[in-house]
Amino acid sequence: MDNGIKEYREKSGMSQGKLAEICNVSRQTINAIENKKYDPSLQLAFDIAKKLGVRVDVLFISKGDEQK
């Protein structure tokens, strides 16, 4: 699953560590999600989207949903 976490996180001036802290996960978890090595739980996906101020369906894009 593709995601725009890094772009939205950097746009808001937030570090991986800070995002991890406010979402109650490790910085390594945020890093793994950003690098597409780990798909978050549905709850974590919604938490990240809320903290970044973006809808979850905008932040996370299923590879099958990409426009060609």
N, C-alpha and C. Protein backbone atom coordinates (compact mmCIF):
# COMPACT_ATOMS: atom_id res chain seq x y z
N MET A 1 0.85 -1.18 0.00
CA MET A 1 0.00 0.00 0.00
C MET A 1 0.89 1.24 0.00
N ASP A 2 0.64 2.12 -0.92
CA ASP A 2 1.39 3.37 -0.98
C ASP A 2 0.79 4.36 0.02
N ASN A 3 1.62 5.31 0.44
CA ASN A 3 1.12 6.32 1.36
C ASN A 3 1.90 7.61 1.19
N GLY A 4 1.30 8.67 1.67
CA GLY A 4 1.92 9.99 1.60
C GLY A 4 2.31 10.52 2.96
N ILE A 5 2.57 9.62 3.91
CA ILE A 5 2.87 10.05 5.27
C ILE A 5 4.07 10.97 5.33
N LYS A 6 5.15 10.59 4.69
CA LYS A 6 6.36 11.40 4.75
C LYS A 6 6.10 12.82 4.25
N GLU A 7 5.43 12.93 3.13
CA GLU A 7 5.16 14.26 2.55
C GLU A 7 4.31 15.11 3.48
N TYR A 8 3.20 14.53 3.99
CA TYR A 8 2.33 15.29 4.89
C TYR A 8 3.02 15.58 6.22
N ARG A 9 3.80 14.63 6.72
CA ARG A 9 4.53 14.83 7.98
C ARG A 9 5.54 15.97 7.84
N GLU A 10 6.32 15.94 6.76
CA GLU A 10 7.32 16.99 6.54
C GLU A 10 6.65 18.34 6.31
N LYS A 11 5.52 18.35 5.60
CA LYS A 11 4.79 19.59 5.34
C LYS A 11 4.34 20.24 6.65
N SER A 12 4.02 19.40 7.62
CA SER A 12 3.57 19.92 8.91
C SER A 12 4.74 20.21 9.85
N GLY A 13 5.96 19.92 9.41
CA GLY A 13 7.14 20.18 10.23
C GLY A 13 7.31 19.20 11.38
N MET A 14 6.75 18.02 11.23
CA MET A 14 6.78 17.03 12.30
C MET A 14 7.84 15.96 12.01
N SER A 15 8.56 15.57 13.05
CA SER A 15 9.54 14.50 12.90
C SER A 15 8.85 13.14 13.00
N GLN A 16 9.55 12.10 12.56
CA GLN A 16 9.02 10.75 12.73
C GLN A 16 8.81 10.46 14.20
N GLY A 17 9.75 10.89 15.02
CA GLY A 17 9.66 10.65 16.46
C GLY A 17 8.44 11.30 17.08
N LYS A 18 8.15 12.52 16.70
CA LYS A 18 6.99 13.24 17.25
C LYS A 18 5.70 12.58 16.81
N LEU A 19 5.59 12.21 15.52
CA LEU A 19 4.40 11.54 15.04
C LEU A 19 4.22 10.21 15.76
N ALA A 20 5.30 9.49 15.94
CA ALA A 20 5.24 8.22 16.66
C ALA A 20 4.75 8.43 18.09
N GLU A 21 5.29 9.44 18.74
CA GLU A 21 4.92 9.73 20.13
C GLU A 21 3.42 10.01 20.27
N ILE A 22 2.87 10.85 19.40
CA ILE A 22 1.47 11.21 19.53
C ILE A 22 0.53 10.10 19.05
N CYS A 23 1.09 9.12 18.32
CA CYS A 23 0.28 7.97 17.88
C CYS A 23 0.54 6.73 18.75
N ASN A 24 1.40 6.89 19.77
CA ASN A 24 1.72 5.80 20.70
C ASN A 24 2.33 4.58 20.02
N VAL A 25 3.25 4.83 19.09
CA VAL A 25 4.01 3.76 18.46
C VAL A 25 5.48 4.18 18.46
N SER A 26 6.35 3.30 18.01
CA SER A 26 7.77 3.63 17.95
C SER A 26 8.10 4.42 16.67
N ARG A 27 9.21 5.13 16.71
CA ARG A 27 9.67 5.84 15.52
C ARG A 27 9.95 4.85 14.40
N GLN A 28 10.43 3.66 14.76
CA GLN A 28 10.72 2.63 13.77
C GLN A 28 9.45 2.18 13.04
N THR A 29 8.32 2.18 13.76
CA THR A 29 7.05 1.82 13.12
C THR A 29 6.68 2.85 12.06
N ILE A 30 6.80 4.13 12.40
CA ILE A 30 6.50 5.19 11.42
C ILE A 30 7.44 5.07 10.23
N ASN A 31 8.71 4.83 10.49
CA ASN A 31 9.69 4.68 9.42
C ASN A 31 9.33 3.51 8.50
N ALA A 32 8.95 2.38 9.09
CA ALA A 32 8.60 1.20 8.30
C ALA A 32 7.35 1.46 7.45
N ILE A 33 6.38 2.18 8.00
CA ILE A 33 5.17 2.50 7.23
C ILE A 33 5.52 3.44 6.08
N GLU A 34 6.30 4.48 6.36
CA GLU A 34 6.70 5.42 5.31
C GLU A 34 7.44 4.73 4.18
N ASN A 35 8.25 3.74 4.52
CA ASN A 35 9.05 3.03 3.52
C ASN A 35 8.35 1.80 2.96
N LYS A 36 7.05 1.69 3.21
CA LYS A 36 6.20 0.64 2.66
C LYS A 36 6.68 -0.77 3.02
N LYS A 37 7.27 -0.90 4.22
CA LYS A 37 7.70 -2.20 4.70
C LYS A 37 6.70 -2.78 5.70
N TYR A 38 5.71 -1.97 6.08
CA TYR A 38 4.73 -2.38 7.07
C TYR A 38 3.43 -1.64 6.79
N ASP A 39 2.33 -2.38 6.75
CA ASP A 39 1.00 -1.77 6.61
C ASP A 39 0.41 -1.61 8.00
N PRO A 40 0.00 -0.40 8.36
CA PRO A 40 -0.53 -0.19 9.71
C PRO A 40 -1.91 -0.82 9.88
N SER A 41 -2.27 -1.02 11.14
CA SER A 41 -3.64 -1.46 11.43
C SER A 41 -4.59 -0.34 10.99
N LEU A 42 -5.84 -0.67 10.86
CA LEU A 42 -6.83 0.33 10.47
C LEU A 42 -6.88 1.46 11.49
N GLN A 43 -6.83 1.12 12.77
CA GLN A 43 -6.87 2.14 13.81
C GLN A 43 -5.65 3.07 13.72
N LEU A 44 -4.47 2.50 13.52
CA LEU A 44 -3.27 3.32 13.41
C LEU A 44 -3.32 4.19 12.16
N ALA A 45 -3.84 3.67 11.06
CA ALA A 45 -3.97 4.47 9.84
C ALA A 45 -4.85 5.69 10.10
N PHE A 46 -5.98 5.49 10.78
CA PHE A 46 -6.87 6.61 11.10
C PHE A 46 -6.20 7.58 12.07
N ASP A 47 -5.46 7.06 13.05
CA ASP A 47 -4.76 7.93 14.00
C ASP A 47 -3.73 8.81 13.29
N ILE A 48 -2.95 8.21 12.41
CA ILE A 48 -1.92 8.97 11.68
C ILE A 48 -2.57 10.04 10.82
N ALA A 49 -3.61 9.66 10.09
CA ALA A 49 -4.30 10.62 9.23
C ALA A 49 -4.85 11.78 10.05
N LYS A 50 -5.45 11.49 11.18
CA LYS A 50 -6.02 12.54 12.04
C LYS A 50 -4.93 13.48 12.53
N LYS A 51 -3.83 12.93 12.98
CA LYS A 51 -2.72 13.76 13.50
C LYS A 51 -2.10 14.62 12.40
N LEU A 52 -2.15 14.15 11.16
CA LEU A 52 -1.59 14.91 10.05
C LEU A 52 -2.64 15.81 9.37
N GLY A 53 -3.88 15.72 9.82
CA GLY A 53 -4.93 16.59 9.30
C GLY A 53 -5.35 16.28 7.87
N VAL A 54 -5.35 15.00 7.53
CA VAL A 54 -5.72 14.59 6.18
C VAL A 54 -6.62 13.36 6.27
N ARG A 55 -7.50 13.20 5.29
CA ARG A 55 -8.37 12.02 5.28
C ARG A 55 -7.54 10.76 5.04
N VAL A 56 -7.95 9.68 5.65
CA VAL A 56 -7.22 8.43 5.53
C VAL A 56 -7.18 7.94 4.08
N ASP A 57 -8.26 8.18 3.33
CA ASP A 57 -8.28 7.72 1.94
C ASP A 57 -7.39 8.55 1.03
N VAL A 58 -6.97 9.71 1.50
CA VAL A 58 -6.01 10.53 0.76
C VAL A 58 -4.58 10.12 1.14
N LEU A 59 -4.39 9.81 2.41
CA LEU A 59 -3.06 9.47 2.92
C LEU A 59 -2.59 8.09 2.46
N PHE A 60 -3.51 7.14 2.41
CA PHE A 60 -3.16 5.77 2.02
C PHE A 60 -3.84 5.42 0.70
N ILE A 61 -3.06 4.91 -0.23
CA ILE A 61 -3.56 4.59 -1.56
C ILE A 61 -3.26 3.12 -1.86
N SER A 62 -4.29 2.35 -2.10
CA SER A 62 -4.10 0.96 -2.48
C SER A 62 -3.53 0.94 -3.89
N LYS A 63 -2.58 0.09 -4.15
CA LYS A 63 -1.96 0.03 -5.47
C LYS A 63 -2.97 -0.23 -6.56
N GLY A 64 -4.05 -0.95 -6.27
CA GLY A 64 -5.09 -1.21 -7.24
C GLY A 64 -5.97 0.01 -7.52
N ASP A 65 -5.90 1.02 -6.64
CA ASP A 65 -6.73 2.22 -6.79
C ASP A 65 -6.03 3.35 -7.52
N GLU A 66 -4.77 3.18 -7.84
CA GLU A 66 -4.03 4.26 -8.50
C GLU A 66 -4.60 4.54 -9.88
N GLN A 67 -4.65 5.80 -10.25
CA GLN A 67 -5.11 6.15 -11.58
C GLN A 67 -4.01 5.90 -12.59
N LYS A 68 -4.41 5.46 -13.76
CA LYS A 68 -3.40 5.14 -14.78
C LYS A 68 -3.31 6.25 -15.79
